[in-house]
Amino acid sequence: MAVTVYESTEALPERLPPQEPLPEYDPEDVAAWCLRQRWLPGIEDDPEWQRREFLPQLVRLYLKERPKELEREAAEAERRRKRDEMWAEAERSRQRAADHAYHMKQCRLFGEANGFRVGTRGPIPKKVRDAYKAQTGVEL
């Protein structure tokens, strides 16, 4: 493969299209994005860090990739929200089951204490449930 060496930049052929100007962007967000990608060394207190300038290619890459990253973050946040909602519903369901078991036991004790014949298992007779509801206001 032959390599062509040019004496000056004026001799270079016009192969690259002229670069269009960059759209507006937030340099702080670009810097934070580059840090997350581990592309920028340094710390914020370093004077060279304060004077940072970004290559146009890096800014274009940022403008292309950042919306995708934001979309992924939003999708992940939605998955977390749905998961948390599911666990909250499971907790409410467990609490309802515990409350129901508690009131079933109390209803059986109430029936025995008031002279009704109530078994330790199985359905509770309707008249016992009605009397328990009249006493406590809890529907079984």
N, C-alpha and C. Protein backbone atom coordinates (compact mmCIF):
# COMPACT_ATOMS: atom_id res chain seq x y z
N MET A 1 0.85 -1.17 0.00
CA MET A 1 0.00 0.00 0.00
C MET A 1 0.89 1.23 0.00
N ALA A 2 0.65 2.10 -0.88
CA ALA A 2 1.46 3.31 -1.00
C ALA A 2 0.91 4.41 -0.11
N VAL A 3 1.80 5.14 0.50
CA VAL A 3 1.43 6.23 1.38
C VAL A 3 1.87 7.53 0.72
N THR A 4 0.95 8.48 0.63
CA THR A 4 1.28 9.77 0.04
C THR A 4 1.59 10.75 1.15
N VAL A 5 2.71 11.44 1.00
CA VAL A 5 3.12 12.44 1.99
C VAL A 5 2.95 13.80 1.34
N TYR A 6 2.26 14.71 2.01
CA TYR A 6 2.02 16.05 1.49
C TYR A 6 2.92 17.02 2.21
N GLU A 7 3.40 18.00 1.47
CA GLU A 7 4.31 19.00 2.04
C GLU A 7 3.57 20.00 2.93
N SER A 8 2.36 20.33 2.62
CA SER A 8 1.61 21.29 3.43
C SER A 8 0.13 20.92 3.37
N THR A 9 -0.63 21.58 4.23
CA THR A 9 -2.06 21.29 4.27
C THR A 9 -2.78 21.82 3.03
N GLU A 10 -2.18 22.82 2.33
CA GLU A 10 -2.82 23.33 1.12
C GLU A 10 -2.83 22.28 0.02
N ALA A 11 -1.88 21.35 0.09
CA ALA A 11 -1.79 20.34 -0.96
C ALA A 11 -2.75 19.18 -0.74
N LEU A 12 -3.38 19.13 0.42
CA LEU A 12 -4.30 18.03 0.71
C LEU A 12 -5.52 18.10 -0.21
N PRO A 13 -5.96 16.96 -0.68
CA PRO A 13 -7.16 16.99 -1.53
C PRO A 13 -8.40 17.30 -0.68
N GLU A 14 -9.39 17.83 -1.33
CA GLU A 14 -10.63 18.19 -0.65
C GLU A 14 -11.55 16.97 -0.59
N ARG A 15 -11.26 16.03 0.27
CA ARG A 15 -12.08 14.82 0.37
C ARG A 15 -13.11 14.91 1.50
N LEU A 16 -12.76 15.57 2.55
CA LEU A 16 -13.67 15.64 3.69
C LEU A 16 -14.68 16.75 3.47
N PRO A 17 -15.93 16.47 3.72
CA PRO A 17 -16.93 17.54 3.61
C PRO A 17 -16.72 18.55 4.74
N PRO A 18 -17.10 19.76 4.52
CA PRO A 18 -16.94 20.74 5.60
C PRO A 18 -17.80 20.34 6.80
N GLN A 19 -17.28 20.58 7.98
CA GLN A 19 -17.99 20.22 9.20
C GLN A 19 -19.10 21.23 9.46
N GLU A 20 -20.27 20.70 9.76
CA GLU A 20 -21.37 21.59 10.12
C GLU A 20 -21.16 22.04 11.56
N PRO A 21 -21.64 23.21 11.90
CA PRO A 21 -21.44 23.69 13.27
C PRO A 21 -22.17 22.78 14.28
N LEU A 22 -21.59 22.72 15.46
CA LEU A 22 -22.18 21.88 16.51
C LEU A 22 -23.41 22.54 17.09
N PRO A 23 -24.44 21.75 17.39
CA PRO A 23 -25.60 22.33 18.08
C PRO A 23 -25.23 22.69 19.52
N GLU A 24 -26.11 23.39 20.16
CA GLU A 24 -25.87 23.78 21.56
C GLU A 24 -25.79 22.55 22.44
N TYR A 25 -24.90 22.56 23.39
CA TYR A 25 -24.77 21.47 24.34
C TYR A 25 -24.26 22.03 25.65
N ASP A 26 -24.48 21.26 26.71
CA ASP A 26 -24.05 21.65 28.05
C ASP A 26 -22.68 21.03 28.32
N PRO A 27 -21.61 21.84 28.40
CA PRO A 27 -20.28 21.27 28.61
C PRO A 27 -20.17 20.48 29.91
N GLU A 28 -20.91 20.88 30.93
CA GLU A 28 -20.85 20.15 32.20
C GLU A 28 -21.44 18.75 32.04
N ASP A 29 -22.52 18.65 31.28
CA ASP A 29 -23.13 17.34 31.05
C ASP A 29 -22.22 16.48 30.18
N VAL A 30 -21.55 17.09 29.19
CA VAL A 30 -20.60 16.34 28.37
C VAL A 30 -19.47 15.81 29.24
N ALA A 31 -18.96 16.66 30.13
CA ALA A 31 -17.87 16.23 31.01
C ALA A 31 -18.31 15.11 31.93
N ALA A 32 -19.49 15.23 32.50
CA ALA A 32 -20.00 14.18 33.38
C ALA A 32 -20.21 12.88 32.61
N TRP A 33 -20.72 12.99 31.39
CA TRP A 33 -20.93 11.80 30.56
C TRP A 33 -19.60 11.14 30.24
N CYS A 34 -18.60 11.95 29.88
CA CYS A 34 -17.27 11.40 29.57
C CYS A 34 -16.65 10.74 30.80
N LEU A 35 -16.86 11.33 31.96
CA LEU A 35 -16.34 10.72 33.19
C LEU A 35 -17.01 9.38 33.44
N ARG A 36 -18.33 9.29 33.22
CA ARG A 36 -19.02 8.02 33.41
C ARG A 36 -18.51 6.97 32.43
N GLN A 37 -18.12 7.42 31.24
CA GLN A 37 -17.58 6.50 30.25
C GLN A 37 -16.10 6.21 30.51
N ARG A 38 -15.53 6.90 31.49
CA ARG A 38 -14.10 6.80 31.84
C ARG A 38 -13.22 7.26 30.68
N TRP A 39 -13.65 8.32 30.01
CA TRP A 39 -12.87 8.84 28.90
C TRP A 39 -12.06 10.06 29.30
N LEU A 40 -12.40 10.70 30.40
CA LEU A 40 -11.67 11.89 30.82
C LEU A 40 -10.94 11.61 32.12
N PRO A 41 -9.66 11.84 32.16
CA PRO A 41 -8.94 11.71 33.44
C PRO A 41 -9.08 13.00 34.23
N GLY A 42 -8.61 12.98 35.44
CA GLY A 42 -8.55 14.22 36.22
C GLY A 42 -9.68 14.37 37.19
N ILE A 43 -9.54 15.40 37.98
CA ILE A 43 -10.55 15.73 38.97
C ILE A 43 -10.99 17.17 38.75
N GLU A 44 -12.07 17.54 39.30
CA GLU A 44 -12.63 18.86 39.04
C GLU A 44 -11.81 20.00 39.60
N ASP A 45 -10.95 19.76 40.61
CA ASP A 45 -10.13 20.83 41.18
C ASP A 45 -8.88 21.11 40.37
N ASP A 46 -8.54 20.24 39.45
CA ASP A 46 -7.35 20.39 38.63
C ASP A 46 -7.55 21.56 37.66
N PRO A 47 -6.58 22.51 37.56
CA PRO A 47 -6.75 23.65 36.64
C PRO A 47 -6.94 23.23 35.19
N GLU A 48 -6.28 22.16 34.78
CA GLU A 48 -6.46 21.70 33.40
C GLU A 48 -7.88 21.21 33.17
N TRP A 49 -8.47 20.63 34.21
CA TRP A 49 -9.86 20.18 34.12
C TRP A 49 -10.79 21.37 33.91
N GLN A 50 -10.49 22.48 34.58
CA GLN A 50 -11.34 23.67 34.46
C GLN A 50 -11.31 24.25 33.05
N ARG A 51 -10.19 24.08 32.33
CA ARG A 51 -10.05 24.65 30.98
C ARG A 51 -10.40 23.64 29.89
N ARG A 52 -11.12 22.61 30.24
CA ARG A 52 -11.35 21.55 29.27
C ARG A 52 -12.12 22.04 28.04
N GLU A 53 -11.70 21.50 26.95
CA GLU A 53 -12.40 21.75 25.68
C GLU A 53 -12.59 20.38 25.05
N PHE A 54 -13.68 20.22 24.36
CA PHE A 54 -14.01 18.93 23.79
C PHE A 54 -13.80 18.96 22.28
N LEU A 55 -13.28 17.86 21.77
CA LEU A 55 -13.15 17.72 20.33
C LEU A 55 -14.54 17.63 19.73
N PRO A 56 -14.71 18.18 18.53
CA PRO A 56 -16.05 18.11 17.91
C PRO A 56 -16.55 16.67 17.76
N GLN A 57 -15.62 15.74 17.50
CA GLN A 57 -16.04 14.35 17.35
C GLN A 57 -16.63 13.82 18.66
N LEU A 58 -16.02 14.22 19.77
CA LEU A 58 -16.53 13.78 21.07
C LEU A 58 -17.90 14.38 21.34
N VAL A 59 -18.08 15.63 21.00
CA VAL A 59 -19.39 16.28 21.20
C VAL A 59 -20.44 15.61 20.33
N ARG A 60 -20.09 15.29 19.10
CA ARG A 60 -21.05 14.62 18.22
C ARG A 60 -21.40 13.23 18.77
N LEU A 61 -20.39 12.53 19.26
CA LEU A 61 -20.65 11.23 19.87
C LEU A 61 -21.58 11.38 21.07
N TYR A 62 -21.31 12.39 21.89
CA TYR A 62 -22.17 12.66 23.05
C TYR A 62 -23.60 12.94 22.60
N LEU A 63 -23.75 13.81 21.59
CA LEU A 63 -25.09 14.16 21.12
C LEU A 63 -25.81 12.97 20.52
N LYS A 64 -25.06 12.01 20.00
CA LYS A 64 -25.67 10.81 19.43
C LYS A 64 -26.01 9.79 20.51
N GLU A 65 -25.12 9.59 21.47
CA GLU A 65 -25.27 8.52 22.45
C GLU A 65 -26.05 8.92 23.70
N ARG A 66 -26.00 10.17 24.09
CA ARG A 66 -26.65 10.59 25.34
C ARG A 66 -28.16 10.35 25.32
N PRO A 67 -28.87 10.64 24.22
CA PRO A 67 -30.32 10.34 24.23
C PRO A 67 -30.61 8.84 24.43
N LYS A 68 -29.76 7.99 23.85
CA LYS A 68 -29.95 6.55 24.05
C LYS A 68 -29.73 6.19 25.52
N GLU A 69 -28.71 6.80 26.12
CA GLU A 69 -28.44 6.54 27.54
C GLU A 69 -29.61 7.02 28.40
N LEU A 70 -30.15 8.19 28.08
CA LEU A 70 -31.30 8.70 28.84
C LEU A 70 -32.50 7.78 28.69
N GLU A 71 -32.68 7.24 27.49
CA GLU A 71 -33.79 6.32 27.26
C GLU A 71 -33.61 5.04 28.07
N ARG A 72 -32.37 4.52 28.11
CA ARG A 72 -32.10 3.33 28.91
C ARG A 72 -32.33 3.61 30.39
N GLU A 73 -31.89 4.78 30.86
CA GLU A 73 -32.10 5.13 32.26
C GLU A 73 -33.59 5.24 32.58
N ALA A 74 -34.36 5.83 31.68
CA ALA A 74 -35.80 5.95 31.90
C ALA A 74 -36.46 4.58 31.93
N ALA A 75 -36.03 3.68 31.03
CA ALA A 75 -36.60 2.33 31.01
C ALA A 75 -36.24 1.60 32.30
N GLU A 76 -35.02 1.76 32.77
CA GLU A 76 -34.61 1.11 34.03
C GLU A 76 -35.39 1.68 35.21
N ALA A 77 -35.59 2.99 35.22
CA ALA A 77 -36.39 3.61 36.29
C ALA A 77 -37.82 3.09 36.27
N GLU A 78 -38.38 2.90 35.08
CA GLU A 78 -39.74 2.36 34.97
C GLU A 78 -39.80 0.92 35.48
N ARG A 79 -38.77 0.13 35.13
CA ARG A 79 -38.73 -1.26 35.64
C ARG A 79 -38.63 -1.28 37.16
N ARG A 80 -37.80 -0.39 37.72
CA ARG A 80 -37.69 -0.32 39.18
C ARG A 80 -39.01 0.10 39.81
N ARG A 81 -39.70 1.07 39.18
CA ARG A 81 -40.98 1.54 39.72
C ARG A 81 -42.01 0.41 39.71
N LYS A 82 -42.07 -0.34 38.60
CA LYS A 82 -43.01 -1.46 38.52
C LYS A 82 -42.67 -2.54 39.53
N ARG A 83 -41.37 -2.83 39.70
CA ARG A 83 -40.96 -3.84 40.67
C ARG A 83 -41.35 -3.40 42.09
N ASP A 84 -41.08 -2.13 42.41
CA ASP A 84 -41.43 -1.63 43.74
C ASP A 84 -42.94 -1.65 43.96
N GLU A 85 -43.70 -1.32 42.90
CA GLU A 85 -45.16 -1.36 42.99
C GLU A 85 -45.64 -2.79 43.22
N MET A 86 -45.01 -3.74 42.54
CA MET A 86 -45.38 -5.15 42.70
C MET A 86 -45.12 -5.62 44.13
N TRP A 87 -43.93 -5.24 44.68
CA TRP A 87 -43.62 -5.65 46.04
C TRP A 87 -44.55 -4.98 47.06
N ALA A 88 -44.93 -3.74 46.79
CA ALA A 88 -45.86 -3.05 47.69
C ALA A 88 -47.23 -3.74 47.66
N GLU A 89 -47.68 -4.14 46.48
CA GLU A 89 -48.95 -4.86 46.37
C GLU A 89 -48.87 -6.21 47.07
N ALA A 90 -47.73 -6.89 46.95
CA ALA A 90 -47.55 -8.17 47.64
C ALA A 90 -47.61 -7.97 49.15
N GLU A 91 -47.02 -6.89 49.63
CA GLU A 91 -47.06 -6.61 51.08
C GLU A 91 -48.48 -6.32 51.53
N ARG A 92 -49.22 -5.54 50.73
CA ARG A 92 -50.62 -5.27 51.09
C ARG A 92 -51.44 -6.56 51.09
N SER A 93 -51.16 -7.43 50.14
CA SER A 93 -51.87 -8.71 50.07
C SER A 93 -51.57 -9.57 51.29
N ARG A 94 -50.29 -9.60 51.68
CA ARG A 94 -49.92 -10.36 52.89
C ARG A 94 -50.62 -9.79 54.12
N GLN A 95 -50.71 -8.48 54.18
CA GLN A 95 -51.37 -7.84 55.33
C GLN A 95 -52.86 -8.16 55.35
N ARG A 96 -53.50 -8.13 54.17
CA ARG A 96 -54.92 -8.48 54.12
C ARG A 96 -55.14 -9.93 54.56
N ALA A 97 -54.25 -10.83 54.13
CA ALA A 97 -54.38 -12.24 54.52
C ALA A 97 -54.20 -12.41 56.02
N ALA A 98 -53.24 -11.69 56.59
CA ALA A 98 -53.02 -11.77 58.04
C ALA A 98 -54.22 -11.21 58.80
N ASP A 99 -54.77 -10.09 58.31
CA ASP A 99 -55.96 -9.51 58.96
C ASP A 99 -57.14 -10.48 58.89
N HIS A 100 -57.31 -11.10 57.72
CA HIS A 100 -58.42 -12.03 57.56
C HIS A 100 -58.26 -13.22 58.52
N ALA A 101 -57.06 -13.78 58.59
CA ALA A 101 -56.82 -14.91 59.50
C ALA A 101 -57.08 -14.50 60.95
N TYR A 102 -56.64 -13.28 61.32
CA TYR A 102 -56.86 -12.79 62.68
C TYR A 102 -58.36 -12.70 62.98
N HIS A 103 -59.13 -12.10 62.05
CA HIS A 103 -60.56 -11.93 62.29
C HIS A 103 -61.31 -13.26 62.25
N MET A 104 -60.86 -14.20 61.44
CA MET A 104 -61.48 -15.53 61.45
C MET A 104 -61.29 -16.19 62.82
N LYS A 105 -60.08 -16.07 63.36
CA LYS A 105 -59.81 -16.65 64.68
C LYS A 105 -60.65 -15.95 65.74
N GLN A 106 -60.72 -14.62 65.68
CA GLN A 106 -61.52 -13.86 66.64
C GLN A 106 -63.00 -14.21 66.54
N CYS A 107 -63.47 -14.43 65.30
CA CYS A 107 -64.86 -14.80 65.10
C CYS A 107 -65.15 -16.16 65.72
N ARG A 108 -64.24 -17.11 65.56
CA ARG A 108 -64.44 -18.43 66.18
C ARG A 108 -64.46 -18.31 67.70
N LEU A 109 -63.52 -17.52 68.26
CA LEU A 109 -63.50 -17.32 69.72
C LEU A 109 -64.78 -16.63 70.19
N PHE A 110 -65.23 -15.62 69.41
CA PHE A 110 -66.47 -14.91 69.74
C PHE A 110 -67.65 -15.88 69.74
N GLY A 111 -67.71 -16.75 68.71
CA GLY A 111 -68.81 -17.72 68.62
C GLY A 111 -68.82 -18.68 69.80
N GLU A 112 -67.63 -19.20 70.17
CA GLU A 112 -67.56 -20.12 71.31
C GLU A 112 -67.94 -19.41 72.60
N ALA A 113 -67.49 -18.16 72.77
CA ALA A 113 -67.78 -17.42 74.00
C ALA A 113 -69.26 -17.06 74.12
N ASN A 114 -69.96 -16.98 73.00
CA ASN A 114 -71.37 -16.60 73.03
C ASN A 114 -72.31 -17.77 72.80
N GLY A 115 -71.82 -18.98 72.99
CA GLY A 115 -72.69 -20.14 72.96
C GLY A 115 -72.97 -20.72 71.59
N PHE A 116 -72.31 -20.28 70.56
CA PHE A 116 -72.51 -20.88 69.24
C PHE A 116 -71.60 -22.10 69.11
N ARG A 117 -72.02 -23.01 68.28
CA ARG A 117 -71.19 -24.18 68.03
C ARG A 117 -70.35 -23.88 66.79
N VAL A 118 -69.02 -23.76 66.99
CA VAL A 118 -68.11 -23.39 65.91
C VAL A 118 -66.95 -24.37 65.92
N GLY A 119 -66.63 -24.93 64.77
CA GLY A 119 -65.51 -25.86 64.67
C GLY A 119 -64.18 -25.11 64.63
N THR A 120 -63.09 -25.87 64.78
CA THR A 120 -61.76 -25.25 64.72
C THR A 120 -61.30 -25.04 63.29
N ARG A 121 -61.95 -25.76 62.36
CA ARG A 121 -61.61 -25.62 60.93
C ARG A 121 -62.90 -25.57 60.14
N GLY A 122 -62.76 -25.19 58.88
CA GLY A 122 -63.93 -25.18 58.01
C GLY A 122 -64.68 -23.87 58.06
N PRO A 123 -65.82 -23.81 57.38
CA PRO A 123 -66.57 -22.56 57.32
C PRO A 123 -67.21 -22.21 58.67
N ILE A 124 -67.33 -20.92 58.90
CA ILE A 124 -67.97 -20.43 60.11
C ILE A 124 -69.44 -20.21 59.76
N PRO A 125 -70.37 -20.69 60.60
CA PRO A 125 -71.80 -20.51 60.30
C PRO A 125 -72.17 -19.05 60.11
N LYS A 126 -73.14 -18.82 59.25
CA LYS A 126 -73.55 -17.46 58.91
C LYS A 126 -74.05 -16.69 60.12
N LYS A 127 -74.81 -17.34 61.02
CA LYS A 127 -75.32 -16.59 62.17
C LYS A 127 -74.19 -16.14 63.09
N VAL A 128 -73.09 -16.92 63.14
CA VAL A 128 -71.92 -16.48 63.95
C VAL A 128 -71.26 -15.29 63.27
N ARG A 129 -71.10 -15.37 61.96
CA ARG A 129 -70.48 -14.25 61.22
C ARG A 129 -71.33 -12.99 61.35
N ASP A 130 -72.67 -13.15 61.25
CA ASP A 130 -73.55 -11.97 61.39
C ASP A 130 -73.46 -11.37 62.78
N ALA A 131 -73.43 -12.21 63.81
CA ALA A 131 -73.31 -11.71 65.19
C ALA A 131 -71.97 -11.02 65.39
N TYR A 132 -70.89 -11.58 64.82
CA TYR A 132 -69.56 -10.98 64.94
C TYR A 132 -69.52 -9.62 64.23
N LYS A 133 -70.18 -9.57 63.07
CA LYS A 133 -70.22 -8.30 62.34
C LYS A 133 -71.00 -7.25 63.12
N ALA A 134 -72.13 -7.65 63.74
CA ALA A 134 -72.93 -6.71 64.53
C ALA A 134 -72.12 -6.21 65.72
N GLN A 135 -71.30 -7.09 66.32
CA GLN A 135 -70.50 -6.71 67.51
C GLN A 135 -69.31 -5.83 67.12
N THR A 136 -68.61 -6.21 66.05
CA THR A 136 -67.34 -5.51 65.74
C THR A 136 -67.40 -4.61 64.52
N GLY A 137 -68.33 -4.84 63.63
CA GLY A 137 -68.41 -4.06 62.40
C GLY A 137 -67.51 -4.60 61.29
N VAL A 138 -66.90 -5.77 61.52
CA VAL A 138 -66.00 -6.37 60.52
C VAL A 138 -66.76 -7.41 59.72
N GLU A 139 -66.73 -7.25 58.40
CA GLU A 139 -67.38 -8.22 57.50
C GLU A 139 -66.41 -9.33 57.15
N LEU A 140 -66.85 -10.58 57.30
CA LEU A 140 -66.01 -11.73 56.93
C LEU A 140 -66.50 -12.34 55.65
